[in-house]
Amino acid sequence: MSDRFEAVVVAIGSLFMNSPESDIDVWLIGDMQREARGNVSLLQRLNAALQPQAPKQTMSVMGIDEATVLLEVDGVSPVWKWPQFGSLGADQDQDHQPRTVLHPEPWDYDNMHHDPFNLLRFYLPYLGPFRELDSLFLCDDDIVVQKSISTLEVPMGDGPIIAATCNGWLWAEDCMRNEPYYNGKGWLDYPATYLGKDKAHGYFGCTQTAAESGNRICQKDEFADTVLRWSKDIQGKELVAADQPRWNFGLSRVNMTEWRKQNMTHVFDNYMRANYEAKLIPETSLAFGLGIPYFAFADKVKCWNDVVGDPAFVDGLGYISKADLKLNNLNASKLLGEAT
């Protein structure tokens, strides 16, 4: 699911190149009109740019509009078709109007978090071509595959719905740089959730000094209380944030059978409806695009490190430090601001 042709070519190309022995059926759900060039369709462009390494490595494409129609015909109403969609700050200015309970960090503003390309993944088990599949792999368009995809075809066990990467980068305030973490765990003071960023947890961003500097934003206790109440109301159990993995889709494997069995699209939709009712999280926040999925899939995600070994993935391809930028006479603040 992507509207970035050049990035998709790299991701799919690396998958084909490093899995020559595997039968791979790649589906790209993209912007058909935007990515066409004159009379050359998106699929034709992909076939011209990519050379499958085996006869059974195939590509298919579907437009986001077609995917939406197929879901609706089958009685599935995706969140971007709801009447309230777009009411929580989408396409608004940086002040995140209308006001929500969450106070996002200054960097946390991006319309991609409520883009249908970002949200469609939560409806794939019910989308026409995938309704009969037992499992599938989701691949972000900024992934480079370096080993055979067959190494990830391992049993996930009963219960888990997603196997995902839990390696990443996190901003370290003391040294003012991003530092890697492996098999990350715990959602307190984590950017995707905003849990723990309150006085109750002694968050330093709640001090008067931090408030005066404007460097950190303190959350009201109401935020965490609401999220924990959602967990009890929707899933019938309390969310233990400290025990949850810090995961991202990246290159992930979805147990479609277990997803349908546990009705996870319905669970996800219930969290979305609760958010619109409470006006808790703006649609432009990472907490909307990834945080709400975190809450909905709590205790349902397994880290690749625990499935195939540690570290399963190396994240941060092409990471450039502030020192490197300065050495090349580039404005780090400007570039990092644009990157976020």
Protein backbone atom coordinates (compact mmCIF):
# COMPACT_ATOMS: atom_id res chain seq x y z
CA MET A 1 0.00 0.00 0.00
CA SER A 2 1.93 2.95 -1.26
CA ASP A 3 1.80 5.93 -3.59
CA ARG A 4 5.60 6.21 -3.90
CA PHE A 5 6.66 4.42 -7.07
CA GLU A 6 10.44 4.71 -6.69
CA ALA A 7 10.39 3.39 -3.13
CA VAL A 8 8.15 0.49 -4.10
CA VAL A 9 10.55 -0.56 -6.86
CA VAL A 10 13.39 -0.86 -4.35
CA ALA A 11 11.31 -2.79 -1.81
CA ILE A 12 9.82 -5.25 -4.31
CA GLY A 13 13.07 -5.55 -6.24
CA SER A 14 15.03 -6.51 -3.14
CA LEU A 15 12.36 -9.07 -2.25
CA PHE A 16 12.49 -10.72 -5.68
CA MET A 17 16.28 -10.62 -5.88
CA ASN A 18 16.91 -12.24 -2.51
CA SER A 19 14.18 -14.89 -2.72
CA PRO A 20 14.80 -16.54 -6.12
CA GLU A 21 13.61 -19.93 -4.87
CA SER A 22 10.26 -18.65 -3.56
CA ASP A 23 6.89 -18.34 -5.26
CA ILE A 24 5.87 -14.76 -4.49
CA ASP A 25 2.63 -13.02 -5.40
CA VAL A 26 3.11 -9.31 -4.73
CA TRP A 27 0.10 -7.04 -4.52
CA LEU A 28 0.53 -3.28 -4.65
CA ILE A 29 -2.42 -1.12 -3.70
CA GLY A 30 -1.52 2.28 -5.05
CA ASP A 31 -2.65 5.47 -6.69
CA MET A 32 -3.35 4.20 -10.20
CA GLN A 33 -3.85 7.58 -11.88
CA ARG A 34 -1.04 9.42 -10.14
CA GLU A 35 1.53 6.72 -10.83
CA ALA A 36 0.58 6.18 -14.48
CA ARG A 37 2.62 7.95 -17.13
CA GLY A 38 0.54 8.79 -20.18
CA ASN A 39 -0.64 5.49 -21.66
CA VAL A 40 1.75 3.50 -19.47
CA SER A 41 -0.06 1.99 -16.49
CA LEU A 42 1.35 1.52 -13.00
CA LEU A 43 1.66 -2.24 -13.57
CA GLN A 44 3.48 -1.70 -16.86
CA ARG A 45 5.90 0.67 -15.14
CA LEU A 46 6.56 -1.91 -12.42
CA ASN A 47 7.13 -4.70 -14.94
CA ALA A 48 9.56 -2.48 -16.84
CA ALA A 49 11.47 -1.50 -13.70
CA LEU A 50 11.56 -4.95 -12.09
CA GLN A 51 12.83 -8.29 -13.32
CA PRO A 52 11.33 -11.18 -11.31
CA GLN A 53 13.93 -13.83 -10.48
CA ALA A 54 11.59 -16.81 -10.93
CA PRO A 55 8.59 -17.66 -13.14
CA LYS A 56 6.24 -17.71 -10.15
CA GLN A 57 7.19 -14.27 -8.90
CA THR A 58 4.23 -12.14 -9.95
CA MET A 59 2.85 -8.66 -9.39
CA SER A 60 -0.69 -7.38 -9.28
CA VAL A 61 -1.93 -3.85 -8.68
CA MET A 62 -5.16 -2.40 -7.34
CA GLY A 63 -6.23 1.20 -6.92
CA ILE A 64 -7.19 2.49 -3.50
CA ASP A 65 -10.60 3.49 -4.87
CA GLU A 66 -11.20 -0.04 -6.16
CA ALA A 67 -10.17 -1.50 -2.81
CA THR A 68 -12.59 0.81 -1.04
CA VAL A 69 -15.47 -0.18 -3.33
CA LEU A 70 -14.75 -3.91 -2.90
CA LEU A 71 -14.85 -3.54 0.88
CA GLU A 72 -18.10 -1.59 0.82
CA VAL A 73 -19.76 -4.07 -1.57
CA ASP A 74 -18.98 -6.79 0.96
CA GLY A 75 -20.50 -4.77 3.79
CA VAL A 76 -17.24 -3.47 5.27
CA SER A 77 -17.15 0.28 5.91
CA PRO A 78 -13.52 1.42 6.31
CA VAL A 79 -12.83 4.27 8.69
CA TRP A 80 -11.98 6.76 5.93
CA LYS A 81 -15.58 6.46 4.67
CA TRP A 82 -17.13 7.26 8.05
CA PRO A 83 -18.95 10.62 8.30
CA GLN A 84 -16.80 11.66 11.29
CA PHE A 85 -13.54 10.95 9.45
CA GLY A 86 -11.58 14.18 9.02
CA SER A 87 -13.18 15.84 12.05
CA LEU A 88 -10.17 15.59 14.39
CA GLY A 89 -7.64 17.92 12.89
CA ALA A 90 -7.11 16.38 9.47
CA ASP A 91 -5.73 18.93 7.02
CA GLN A 92 -5.80 21.59 9.71
CA ASP A 93 -2.98 23.86 10.84
CA GLN A 94 -0.29 22.92 13.34
CA ASP A 95 -2.49 23.93 16.28
CA HIS A 96 -4.42 20.65 15.91
CA GLN A 97 -7.85 22.25 15.84
CA PRO A 98 -10.38 21.18 16.91
CA ARG A 99 -8.84 20.70 20.34
CA THR A 100 -8.36 17.14 21.52
CA VAL A 101 -7.42 15.63 24.87
CA LEU A 102 -3.98 14.62 23.61
CA HIS A 103 -1.34 17.36 23.49
CA PRO A 104 0.95 16.26 20.65
CA GLU A 105 4.64 17.04 20.62
CA PRO A 106 5.64 19.81 18.15
CA TRP A 107 7.14 17.23 15.76
CA ASP A 108 4.03 15.05 15.81
CA TYR A 109 1.98 16.32 12.89
CA ASP A 110 1.58 14.46 9.60
CA ASN A 111 -1.44 13.86 7.39
CA MET A 112 -0.09 10.43 6.43
CA HIS A 113 -1.37 9.06 9.75
CA HIS A 114 -4.98 9.22 8.53
CA ASP A 115 -4.26 8.44 4.89
CA PRO A 116 -6.29 5.48 3.53
CA PHE A 117 -2.99 3.89 2.44
CA ASN A 118 -2.02 3.78 6.12
CA LEU A 119 -5.40 2.53 7.34
CA LEU A 120 -6.23 -0.06 4.67
CA ARG A 121 -4.03 -2.71 6.31
CA PHE A 122 -6.64 -3.13 9.05
CA TYR A 123 -9.21 -4.31 6.48
CA LEU A 124 -7.09 -6.60 4.30
CA PRO A 125 -8.45 -9.90 5.70
CA TYR A 126 -11.82 -8.95 4.18
CA LEU A 127 -10.59 -7.50 0.88
CA GLY A 128 -11.49 -9.57 -2.20
CA PRO A 129 -8.12 -11.05 -3.28
CA PHE A 130 -7.11 -11.85 0.31
CA ARG A 131 -10.32 -13.18 1.87
CA GLU A 132 -9.29 -16.82 1.55
CA LEU A 133 -5.64 -16.41 2.57
CA ASP A 134 -4.33 -17.91 5.79
CA SER A 135 -1.46 -15.43 6.05
CA LEU A 136 0.30 -12.64 4.19
CA PHE A 137 3.34 -10.40 4.55
CA LEU A 138 3.02 -6.64 4.77
CA CYS A 139 6.01 -4.70 3.50
CA ASP A 140 6.50 -0.96 3.94
CA ASP A 141 7.93 0.85 0.95
CA ASP A 142 11.06 1.89 2.87
CA ILE A 143 12.19 -1.70 3.47
CA VAL A 144 15.18 -3.37 1.80
CA VAL A 145 15.04 -7.17 1.98
CA GLN A 146 18.50 -8.77 2.25
CA LYS A 147 17.65 -12.44 2.87
CA SER A 148 15.15 -14.94 1.55
CA ILE A 149 11.59 -14.28 2.65
CA SER A 150 11.26 -18.03 3.22
CA THR A 151 13.20 -17.67 6.50
CA LEU A 152 10.16 -15.91 7.94
CA GLU A 153 7.77 -18.73 7.06
CA VAL A 154 7.83 -20.18 10.57
CA PRO A 155 5.01 -21.16 12.96
CA MET A 156 3.74 -18.25 15.04
CA GLY A 157 1.82 -20.39 17.50
CA ASP A 158 -1.78 -19.99 18.60
CA GLY A 159 -3.04 -16.55 19.54
CA PRO A 160 -0.59 -14.03 18.02
CA ILE A 161 -1.96 -12.21 15.00
CA ILE A 162 1.04 -10.18 13.84
CA ALA A 163 4.76 -10.93 13.80
CA ALA A 164 6.55 -7.59 13.51
CA THR A 165 9.89 -5.90 13.96
CA CYS A 166 10.58 -4.60 17.47
CA ASN A 167 13.92 -2.99 16.62
CA GLY A 168 14.10 0.72 16.02
CA TRP A 169 15.43 4.10 17.02
CA LEU A 170 14.39 6.31 19.94
CA TRP A 171 15.37 9.87 20.75
CA ALA A 172 17.64 10.08 23.80
CA GLU A 173 17.20 13.44 25.49
CA ASP A 174 20.41 13.24 27.54
CA CYS A 175 22.69 12.90 24.50
CA MET A 176 20.37 14.61 21.99
CA ARG A 177 20.46 11.87 19.39
CA ASN A 178 18.54 8.82 18.19
CA GLU A 179 19.78 5.58 19.68
CA PRO A 180 18.94 2.05 18.50
CA TYR A 181 16.94 -0.40 20.58
CA TYR A 182 16.42 -4.12 20.03
CA ASN A 183 13.40 -6.19 21.00
CA GLY A 184 11.89 -3.05 22.48
CA LYS A 185 9.34 -3.39 25.26
CA GLY A 186 7.15 -1.02 27.25
CA TRP A 187 4.84 1.75 26.07
CA LEU A 188 5.42 4.22 28.91
CA ASP A 189 7.14 7.39 27.66
CA TYR A 190 7.02 6.00 24.11
CA PRO A 191 6.21 8.35 21.19
CA ALA A 192 3.51 6.19 19.60
CA THR A 193 1.33 5.98 22.71
CA TYR A 194 2.01 9.05 24.90
CA LEU A 195 1.34 6.84 27.92
CA GLY A 196 3.42 7.72 30.97
CA LYS A 197 3.96 11.30 29.86
CA ASP A 198 2.07 12.68 32.86
CA LYS A 199 2.59 13.75 36.47
CA ALA A 200 1.40 10.39 37.78
CA HIS A 201 4.48 8.74 36.24
CA GLY A 202 6.87 11.52 37.22
CA TYR A 203 7.42 12.55 33.61
CA PHE A 204 10.06 15.28 33.51
CA GLY A 205 8.14 17.07 30.78
CA CYS A 206 5.53 17.96 33.40
CA THR A 207 7.94 20.06 35.49
CA GLN A 208 7.67 23.82 35.54
CA THR A 209 11.11 24.12 33.96
CA ALA A 210 10.11 21.94 31.03
CA ALA A 211 6.84 23.79 30.62
CA GLU A 212 8.62 27.13 30.51
CA SER A 213 11.14 25.91 27.95
CA GLY A 214 8.43 24.52 25.72
CA ASN A 215 10.54 21.44 25.01
CA ARG A 216 8.11 18.92 26.45
CA ILE A 217 4.36 18.60 26.70
CA CYS A 218 2.65 17.11 29.75
CA GLN A 219 -0.43 14.93 29.29
CA LYS A 220 -3.44 15.12 31.58
CA ASP A 221 -4.25 12.00 33.60
CA GLU A 222 -7.49 11.93 31.62
CA PHE A 223 -5.59 10.68 28.57
CA ALA A 224 -4.23 7.47 30.13
CA ASP A 225 -7.44 6.90 32.09
CA THR A 226 -9.45 7.01 28.86
CA VAL A 227 -7.16 4.58 27.01
CA LEU A 228 -7.24 2.10 29.91
CA ARG A 229 -11.02 2.36 30.07
CA TRP A 230 -11.23 1.61 26.35
CA SER A 231 -9.23 -1.56 26.89
CA LYS A 232 -11.65 -2.78 29.55
CA ASP A 233 -14.77 -1.79 27.63
CA ILE A 234 -13.70 -3.12 24.21
CA GLN A 235 -11.52 -6.11 25.06
CA GLY A 236 -12.69 -6.94 28.55
CA LYS A 237 -9.28 -6.68 30.20
CA GLU A 238 -6.85 -4.13 31.50
CA LEU A 239 -4.02 -2.96 29.29
CA VAL A 240 -0.60 -3.52 30.89
CA ALA A 241 1.46 -0.97 28.97
CA ALA A 242 4.80 -1.96 30.51
CA ASP A 243 4.53 -5.50 29.10
CA GLN A 244 3.79 -4.57 25.48
CA PRO A 245 6.33 -4.73 22.62
CA ARG A 246 7.45 -1.62 20.74
CA TRP A 247 6.61 -2.86 17.28
CA ASN A 248 6.17 -1.46 13.83
CA PHE A 249 4.76 -2.96 10.66
CA GLY A 250 7.97 -2.69 8.58
CA LEU A 251 8.09 -6.20 7.18
CA SER A 252 5.44 -8.06 9.13
CA ARG A 253 3.50 -11.28 8.81
CA VAL A 254 -0.23 -11.37 9.46
CA ASN A 255 -2.09 -14.48 10.59
CA MET A 256 -5.26 -13.81 8.61
CA THR A 257 -7.12 -16.83 9.95
CA GLU A 258 -6.52 -15.80 13.56
CA TRP A 259 -7.36 -12.18 12.70
CA ARG A 260 -10.78 -13.18 11.41
CA LYS A 261 -11.32 -15.62 14.26
CA GLN A 262 -10.67 -12.87 16.83
CA ASN A 263 -12.57 -10.28 14.76
CA MET A 264 -9.71 -7.79 14.96
CA THR A 265 -11.08 -5.38 12.35
CA HIS A 266 -14.14 -4.98 14.56
CA VAL A 267 -11.89 -4.37 17.57
CA PHE A 268 -9.89 -1.77 15.63
CA ASP A 269 -13.08 -0.05 14.47
CA ASN A 270 -14.37 0.07 18.06
CA TYR A 271 -11.23 1.89 19.18
CA MET A 272 -11.60 4.32 16.29
CA ARG A 273 -15.25 4.99 17.17
CA ALA A 274 -14.30 5.51 20.81
CA ASN A 275 -11.64 7.99 19.76
CA TYR A 276 -14.04 10.02 17.63
CA GLU A 277 -16.58 10.05 20.46
CA ALA A 278 -14.03 11.13 23.08
CA LYS A 279 -12.09 13.45 20.74
CA LEU A 280 -8.96 12.06 22.33
CA ILE A 281 -6.32 11.79 19.58
CA PRO A 282 -6.02 14.05 16.50
CA GLU A 283 -5.87 12.32 13.14
CA THR A 284 -2.55 13.99 12.35
CA SER A 285 -0.75 12.34 15.28
CA LEU A 286 1.40 9.22 15.28
CA ALA A 287 -0.83 8.12 18.15
CA PHE A 288 -3.72 7.94 15.66
CA GLY A 289 -1.90 6.05 12.90
CA LEU A 290 0.09 3.68 15.13
CA GLY A 291 -0.96 4.30 18.73
CA ILE A 292 -4.59 3.25 18.29
CA PRO A 293 -3.46 0.04 16.51
CA TYR A 294 -1.14 -0.52 19.48
CA PHE A 295 -4.12 -0.38 21.83
CA ALA A 296 -6.32 -2.54 19.61
CA PHE A 297 -3.67 -5.24 19.10
CA ALA A 298 -2.32 -5.33 22.66
CA ASP A 299 -1.14 -8.86 23.55
CA LYS A 300 -1.66 -9.91 19.91
CA VAL A 301 1.78 -9.04 18.48
CA LYS A 302 4.91 -11.18 18.54
CA CYS A 303 8.37 -9.73 17.87
CA TRP A 304 10.37 -11.24 15.01
CA ASN A 305 13.29 -11.46 17.44
CA ASP A 306 11.30 -14.01 19.46
CA VAL A 307 10.22 -15.90 16.35
CA VAL A 308 13.36 -16.19 14.21
CA GLY A 309 16.19 -14.92 16.40
CA ASP A 310 17.79 -11.71 17.60
CA PRO A 311 18.26 -9.34 15.91
CA ALA A 312 15.77 -10.24 13.22
CA PHE A 313 15.97 -6.87 11.51
CA VAL A 314 18.39 -3.96 11.41
CA ASP A 315 16.45 -0.73 11.36
CA GLY A 316 17.54 2.78 10.43
CA LEU A 317 18.85 2.28 6.90
CA GLY A 318 20.50 5.49 5.80
CA TYR A 319 20.37 7.12 9.23
CA ILE A 320 22.35 10.37 9.26
CA SER A 321 23.50 11.93 12.52
CA LYS A 322 23.45 15.64 13.29
CA ALA A 323 27.25 15.57 13.29
CA ASP A 324 27.26 14.23 9.72
CA LEU A 325 24.85 16.94 8.62
CA LYS A 326 26.95 19.66 10.23
CA LEU A 327 30.10 18.30 8.61
CA ASN A 328 28.42 18.70 5.22
CA ASN A 329 27.27 22.25 5.99
CA LEU A 330 23.61 21.26 6.21
CA ASN A 331 21.09 22.73 8.65
CA ALA A 332 20.21 19.82 10.93
CA SER A 333 17.18 21.49 12.52
CA LYS A 334 15.66 22.34 9.14
CA LEU A 335 16.24 18.89 7.63
CA LEU A 336 15.08 16.95 10.69
CA GLY A 337 12.00 19.13 10.92
CA GLU A 338 11.10 18.37 7.32
CA ALA A 339 11.80 14.66 7.86
CA THR A 340 9.29 14.42 10.68
